[in-house]
Amino acid sequence: MATTESKKIYSGESWNPNLKAPLAQPGATAKVGEYVVGVNGKAIASGTNLYSYFEGTANQPTKIHLNSKPGLDGSRVIQVIPVANEGQLRTIDWVEGNRRKVDELSEGKLAYVYIPNTGQPGYTSFNRYYFAQQDKKRRRNRRAKQWRGFGSGLHGGHHGPRPAWLFQFPC
């Protein structure tokens, strides 16, 4: 029997009805470090891709067997509704990680504003990130600086979607 240990659980955005993280929904009490040992009553077989057990389950109630150790013995079952594509969850996790890192490194003086494009989604993202961080400490620098990822040292080589902007708020 093969199992997969959970290393990260995406939280999504609880305020956004279009971006739901399956393991962050009410009643889905999965924890980082638990093993996914089965899906819909089928044990995860050695040498198979975990994702193959989720084929055809997008937006359908699905039972996941979790355990603190490899194996079905003693496992517990939770019900989730898988998403068809986890790309948006990964992107939001990347953006929020960047926002937290900028806040931490600047000691709250800078805001991170992610702009995915120059169309409506970019405008929506700008409004969400810019106005939510207006209370940052003000600096006398009026420039906006384009920031193309943090480099491989901070997030395992994944540079994420581009472009992203780091703004310093004007006085």
C-alpha atoms as a PDB file:
ATOM      1  CA  MET A   1       0.000   0.000   0.000  1.00  0.00           C
ATOM      2  CA  ALA A   2       1.263   3.472  -0.889  1.00  0.00           C
ATOM      3  CA  THR A   3       0.259   6.574   0.994  1.00  0.00           C
ATOM      4  CA  THR A   4       0.894  10.264   0.597  1.00  0.00           C
ATOM      5  CA  GLU A   5       1.746  12.491   3.534  1.00  0.00           C
ATOM      6  CA  SER A   6       0.170  15.939   3.390  1.00  0.00           C
ATOM      7  CA  LYS A   7       2.815  18.675   3.396  1.00  0.00           C
ATOM      8  CA  LYS A   8       0.556  21.695   2.861  1.00  0.00           C
ATOM      9  CA  ILE A   9      -3.150  22.440   3.022  1.00  0.00           C
ATOM     10  CA  TYR A  10      -4.332  25.331   0.870  1.00  0.00           C
ATOM     11  CA  SER A  11      -6.761  27.638   2.619  1.00  0.00           C
ATOM     12  CA  GLY A  12      -8.075  29.515  -0.414  1.00  0.00           C
ATOM     13  CA  GLU A  13     -10.074  32.645   0.332  1.00  0.00           C
ATOM     14  CA  SER A  14     -13.083  32.184   2.584  1.00  0.00           C
ATOM     15  CA  TRP A  15     -14.620  35.424   1.272  1.00  0.00           C
ATOM     16  CA  ASN A  16     -14.371  34.340  -2.381  1.00  0.00           C
ATOM     17  CA  PRO A  17     -17.151  31.903  -3.387  1.00  0.00           C
ATOM     18  CA  ASN A  18     -15.282  31.044  -6.608  1.00  0.00           C
ATOM     19  CA  LEU A  19     -12.137  29.867  -4.832  1.00  0.00           C
ATOM     20  CA  LYS A  20     -12.797  27.048  -2.411  1.00  0.00           C
ATOM     21  CA  ALA A  21     -10.082  24.886  -0.950  1.00  0.00           C
ATOM     22  CA  PRO A  22     -11.442  21.347  -0.434  1.00  0.00           C
ATOM     23  CA  LEU A  23      -9.534  20.709   2.796  1.00  0.00           C
ATOM     24  CA  ALA A  24     -10.359  24.126   4.261  1.00  0.00           C
ATOM     25  CA  GLN A  25     -14.138  23.718   4.175  1.00  0.00           C
ATOM     26  CA  PRO A  26     -16.173  23.254   7.371  1.00  0.00           C
ATOM     27  CA  GLY A  27     -15.971  19.650   8.541  1.00  0.00           C
ATOM     28  CA  ALA A  28     -12.837  18.865   6.515  1.00  0.00           C
ATOM     29  CA  THR A  29     -10.530  18.500   9.479  1.00  0.00           C
ATOM     30  CA  ALA A  30      -7.372  17.430   7.675  1.00  0.00           C
ATOM     31  CA  LYS A  31      -4.021  18.346   9.209  1.00  0.00           C
ATOM     32  CA  VAL A  32      -0.580  18.806   7.733  1.00  0.00           C
ATOM     33  CA  GLY A  33       1.382  15.609   8.339  1.00  0.00           C
ATOM     34  CA  GLU A  34      -1.574  13.259   8.002  1.00  0.00           C
ATOM     35  CA  TYR A  35      -1.465  10.564   5.359  1.00  0.00           C
ATOM     36  CA  VAL A  36      -4.012  10.208   2.569  1.00  0.00           C
ATOM     37  CA  VAL A  37      -4.453   6.437   2.661  1.00  0.00           C
ATOM     38  CA  GLY A  38      -7.620   6.001   0.619  1.00  0.00           C
ATOM     39  CA  VAL A  39     -10.197   7.706  -1.585  1.00  0.00           C
ATOM     40  CA  ASN A  40     -13.851   6.659  -1.733  1.00  0.00           C
ATOM     41  CA  GLY A  41     -13.094   3.396   0.074  1.00  0.00           C
ATOM     42  CA  LYS A  42     -10.156   2.402  -2.157  1.00  0.00           C
ATOM     43  CA  ALA A  43      -6.723   2.095  -0.574  1.00  0.00           C
ATOM     44  CA  ILE A  44      -3.955   4.008  -2.366  1.00  0.00           C
ATOM     45  CA  ALA A  45      -2.024   1.309  -4.245  1.00  0.00           C
ATOM     46  CA  SER A  46       1.754   1.338  -4.462  1.00  0.00           C
ATOM     47  CA  GLY A  47       3.071   2.861  -7.678  1.00  0.00           C
ATOM     48  CA  THR A  48      -0.102   4.750  -8.559  1.00  0.00           C
ATOM     49  CA  ASN A  49      -0.497   8.482  -8.868  1.00  0.00           C
ATOM     50  CA  LEU A  50      -2.621   9.881  -6.041  1.00  0.00           C
ATOM     51  CA  TYR A  51      -4.400  12.199  -8.474  1.00  0.00           C
ATOM     52  CA  SER A  52      -5.711   9.214 -10.442  1.00  0.00           C
ATOM     53  CA  TYR A  53      -8.025   8.456  -7.498  1.00  0.00           C
ATOM     54  CA  PHE A  54      -9.634  11.874  -7.942  1.00  0.00           C
ATOM     55  CA  GLU A  55     -10.406  11.586 -11.669  1.00  0.00           C
ATOM     56  CA  GLY A  56     -14.043  12.436 -12.264  1.00  0.00           C
ATOM     57  CA  THR A  57     -14.603  13.711  -8.717  1.00  0.00           C
ATOM     58  CA  ALA A  58     -14.427  17.488  -9.340  1.00  0.00           C
ATOM     59  CA  ASN A  59     -17.351  19.234  -7.653  1.00  0.00           C
ATOM     60  CA  GLN A  60     -18.652  15.879  -6.357  1.00  0.00           C
ATOM     61  CA  PRO A  61     -18.726  14.791  -2.701  1.00  0.00           C
ATOM     62  CA  THR A  62     -15.690  12.545  -2.210  1.00  0.00           C
ATOM     63  CA  LYS A  63     -14.551  10.588   0.836  1.00  0.00           C
ATOM     64  CA  ILE A  64     -10.894  10.773   1.812  1.00  0.00           C
ATOM     65  CA  HIS A  65      -9.360   8.362   4.296  1.00  0.00           C
ATOM     66  CA  LEU A  66      -6.762  10.043   6.531  1.00  0.00           C
ATOM     67  CA  ASN A  67      -4.436   8.541   9.094  1.00  0.00           C
ATOM     68  CA  SER A  68      -1.601   9.669  11.341  1.00  0.00           C
ATOM     69  CA  LYS A  69       0.389   6.708   9.991  1.00  0.00           C
ATOM     70  CA  PRO A  70       0.551   4.887   6.647  1.00  0.00           C
ATOM     71  CA  GLY A  71      -2.232   2.323   6.189  1.00  0.00           C
ATOM     72  CA  LEU A  72      -6.021   2.140   6.360  1.00  0.00           C
ATOM     73  CA  ASP A  73      -6.105   0.548   9.847  1.00  0.00           C
ATOM     74  CA  GLY A  74      -7.304   3.217  12.263  1.00  0.00           C
ATOM     75  CA  SER A  75      -7.967   5.774   9.524  1.00  0.00           C
ATOM     76  CA  ARG A  76     -10.776   8.285   9.654  1.00  0.00           C
ATOM     77  CA  VAL A  77     -12.939   9.510   6.789  1.00  0.00           C
ATOM     78  CA  ILE A  78     -13.787  13.067   5.833  1.00  0.00           C
ATOM     79  CA  GLN A  79     -15.937  14.240   2.956  1.00  0.00           C
ATOM     80  CA  VAL A  80     -14.629  16.933   0.617  1.00  0.00           C
ATOM     81  CA  ILE A  81     -15.609  18.417  -2.724  1.00  0.00           C
ATOM     82  CA  PRO A  82     -12.512  18.396  -4.959  1.00  0.00           C
ATOM     83  CA  VAL A  83     -11.825  21.206  -7.411  1.00  0.00           C
ATOM     84  CA  ALA A  84     -11.152  20.588 -11.104  1.00  0.00           C
ATOM     85  CA  ASN A  85      -7.880  22.542 -11.015  1.00  0.00           C
ATOM     86  CA  GLU A  86      -5.794  23.649  -8.046  1.00  0.00           C
ATOM     87  CA  GLY A  87      -3.930  26.331 -10.040  1.00  0.00           C
ATOM     88  CA  GLN A  88      -5.854  29.239  -8.509  1.00  0.00           C
ATOM     89  CA  LEU A  89      -5.303  27.872  -5.001  1.00  0.00           C
ATOM     90  CA  ARG A  90      -1.555  27.659  -5.633  1.00  0.00           C
ATOM     91  CA  THR A  91      -1.480  31.185  -7.080  1.00  0.00           C
ATOM     92  CA  ILE A  92      -3.342  32.704  -4.112  1.00  0.00           C
ATOM     93  CA  ASP A  93      -1.049  30.837  -1.722  1.00  0.00           C
ATOM     94  CA  TRP A  94       1.981  32.251  -3.592  1.00  0.00           C
ATOM     95  CA  VAL A  95       0.554  35.812  -3.588  1.00  0.00           C
ATOM     96  CA  GLU A  96      -0.373  35.693   0.098  1.00  0.00           C
ATOM     97  CA  GLY A  97       3.045  34.272   0.966  1.00  0.00           C
ATOM     98  CA  ASN A  98       4.688  37.183  -0.868  1.00  0.00           C
ATOM     99  CA  ARG A  99       2.426  39.678   0.906  1.00  0.00           C
ATOM    100  CA  ARG A 100       3.305  38.231   4.313  1.00  0.00           C
ATOM    101  CA  LYS A 101       7.048  38.178   3.474  1.00  0.00           C
ATOM    102  CA  VAL A 102       7.027  41.828   2.323  1.00  0.00           C
ATOM    103  CA  ASP A 103       5.142  42.827   5.468  1.00  0.00           C
ATOM    104  CA  GLU A 104       7.598  40.929   7.653  1.00  0.00           C
ATOM    105  CA  LEU A 105      10.796  42.126   5.945  1.00  0.00           C
ATOM    106  CA  SER A 106       9.668  45.772   5.773  1.00  0.00           C
ATOM    107  CA  GLU A 107       8.361  45.712   9.348  1.00  0.00           C
ATOM    108  CA  GLY A 108       4.938  46.729   8.092  1.00  0.00           C
ATOM    109  CA  LYS A 109       6.154  49.702   6.038  1.00  0.00           C
ATOM    110  CA  LEU A 110       5.491  48.271   2.573  1.00  0.00           C
ATOM    111  CA  ALA A 111       2.475  46.713   0.963  1.00  0.00           C
ATOM    112  CA  TYR A 112       2.564  43.974  -1.641  1.00  0.00           C
ATOM    113  CA  VAL A 113       0.062  44.478  -4.442  1.00  0.00           C
ATOM    114  CA  TYR A 114      -0.380  41.655  -6.940  1.00  0.00           C
ATOM    115  CA  ILE A 115      -1.586  42.630 -10.421  1.00  0.00           C
ATOM    116  CA  PRO A 116      -2.031  39.559 -12.642  1.00  0.00           C
ATOM    117  CA  ASN A 117      -2.753  41.544 -15.811  1.00  0.00           C
ATOM    118  CA  THR A 118      -4.013  44.910 -17.047  1.00  0.00           C
ATOM    119  CA  GLY A 119      -7.612  43.789 -17.642  1.00  0.00           C
ATOM    120  CA  GLN A 120     -10.533  43.482 -15.237  1.00  0.00           C
ATOM    121  CA  PRO A 121      -8.882  40.757 -13.093  1.00  0.00           C
ATOM    122  CA  GLY A 122      -5.848  43.038 -12.624  1.00  0.00           C
ATOM    123  CA  TYR A 123      -8.070  45.972 -11.655  1.00  0.00           C
ATOM    124  CA  THR A 124      -9.955  43.793  -9.163  1.00  0.00           C
ATOM    125  CA  SER A 125      -6.705  42.486  -7.670  1.00  0.00           C
ATOM    126  CA  PHE A 126      -5.253  45.995  -7.417  1.00  0.00           C
ATOM    127  CA  ASN A 127      -8.335  47.222  -5.554  1.00  0.00           C
ATOM    128  CA  ARG A 128      -8.272  44.247  -3.216  1.00  0.00           C
ATOM    129  CA  TYR A 129      -4.595  44.477  -2.283  1.00  0.00           C
ATOM    130  CA  TYR A 130      -4.028  48.231  -2.471  1.00  0.00           C
ATOM    131  CA  PHE A 131      -7.011  49.436  -0.491  1.00  0.00           C
ATOM    132  CA  ALA A 132      -6.753  46.648   2.081  1.00  0.00           C
ATOM    133  CA  GLN A 133      -3.228  47.829   2.944  1.00  0.00           C
ATOM    134  CA  GLN A 134      -3.655  51.604   2.956  1.00  0.00           C
ATOM    135  CA  ASP A 135      -2.850  51.776   6.644  1.00  0.00           C
ATOM    136  CA  LYS A 136       0.815  50.827   6.073  1.00  0.00           C
ATOM    137  CA  LYS A 137       3.365  53.198   7.549  1.00  0.00           C
ATOM    138  CA  ARG A 138       4.000  55.972   5.090  1.00  0.00           C
ATOM    139  CA  ARG A 139       7.399  56.574   3.543  1.00  0.00           C
ATOM    140  CA  ARG A 140       8.727  59.499   1.576  1.00  0.00           C
ATOM    141  CA  ASN A 141       9.442  57.423  -1.517  1.00  0.00           C
ATOM    142  CA  ARG A 142       6.923  58.052  -4.325  1.00  0.00           C
ATOM    143  CA  ARG A 143       8.177  55.323  -6.654  1.00  0.00           C
ATOM    144  CA  ALA A 144       6.486  52.056  -7.456  1.00  0.00           C
ATOM    145  CA  LYS A 145       8.938  49.240  -7.996  1.00  0.00           C
ATOM    146  CA  GLN A 146       8.308  46.254 -10.209  1.00  0.00           C
ATOM    147  CA  TRP A 147       9.217  43.086  -8.358  1.00  0.00           C
ATOM    148  CA  ARG A 148       9.649  39.944 -10.467  1.00  0.00           C
ATOM    149  CA  GLY A 149       9.449  37.302  -7.777  1.00  0.00           C
ATOM    150  CA  PHE A 150      11.712  36.905  -4.776  1.00  0.00           C
ATOM    151  CA  GLY A 151      14.177  34.480  -6.344  1.00  0.00           C
ATOM    152  CA  SER A 152      14.625  30.828  -5.619  1.00  0.00           C
ATOM    153  CA  GLY A 153      15.825  31.280  -2.048  1.00  0.00           C
ATOM    154  CA  LEU A 154      12.451  32.173  -0.589  1.00  0.00           C
ATOM    155  CA  HIS A 155      10.049  29.837  -2.280  1.00  0.00           C
ATOM    156  CA  GLY A 156      11.799  26.832  -3.700  1.00  0.00           C
ATOM    157  CA  GLY A 157      12.501  28.171  -7.185  1.00  0.00           C
ATOM    158  CA  HIS A 158       8.858  28.822  -8.086  1.00  0.00           C
ATOM    159  CA  HIS A 159       8.627  32.400  -9.283  1.00  0.00           C
ATOM    160  CA  GLY A 160       4.889  32.329  -9.716  1.00  0.00           C
ATOM    161  CA  PRO A 161       2.765  34.326 -12.119  1.00  0.00           C
ATOM    162  CA  ARG A 162       4.060  37.634 -13.437  1.00  0.00           C
ATOM    163  CA  PRO A 163       3.972  40.587 -13.115  1.00  0.00           C
ATOM    164  CA  ALA A 164       3.720  41.451  -9.454  1.00  0.00           C
ATOM    165  CA  TRP A 165       4.225  44.927  -8.063  1.00  0.00           C
ATOM    166  CA  LEU A 166       5.604  46.105  -4.774  1.00  0.00           C
ATOM    167  CA  PHE A 167       4.325  49.584  -3.942  1.00  0.00           C
ATOM    168  CA  GLN A 168       5.632  52.064  -1.438  1.00  0.00           C
ATOM    169  CA  PHE A 169       2.797  54.367  -0.443  1.00  0.00           C
ATOM    170  CA  PRO A 170       3.313  58.110  -1.078  1.00  0.00           C
ATOM    171  CA  CYS A 171       3.164  60.641   1.741  1.00  0.00           C
END
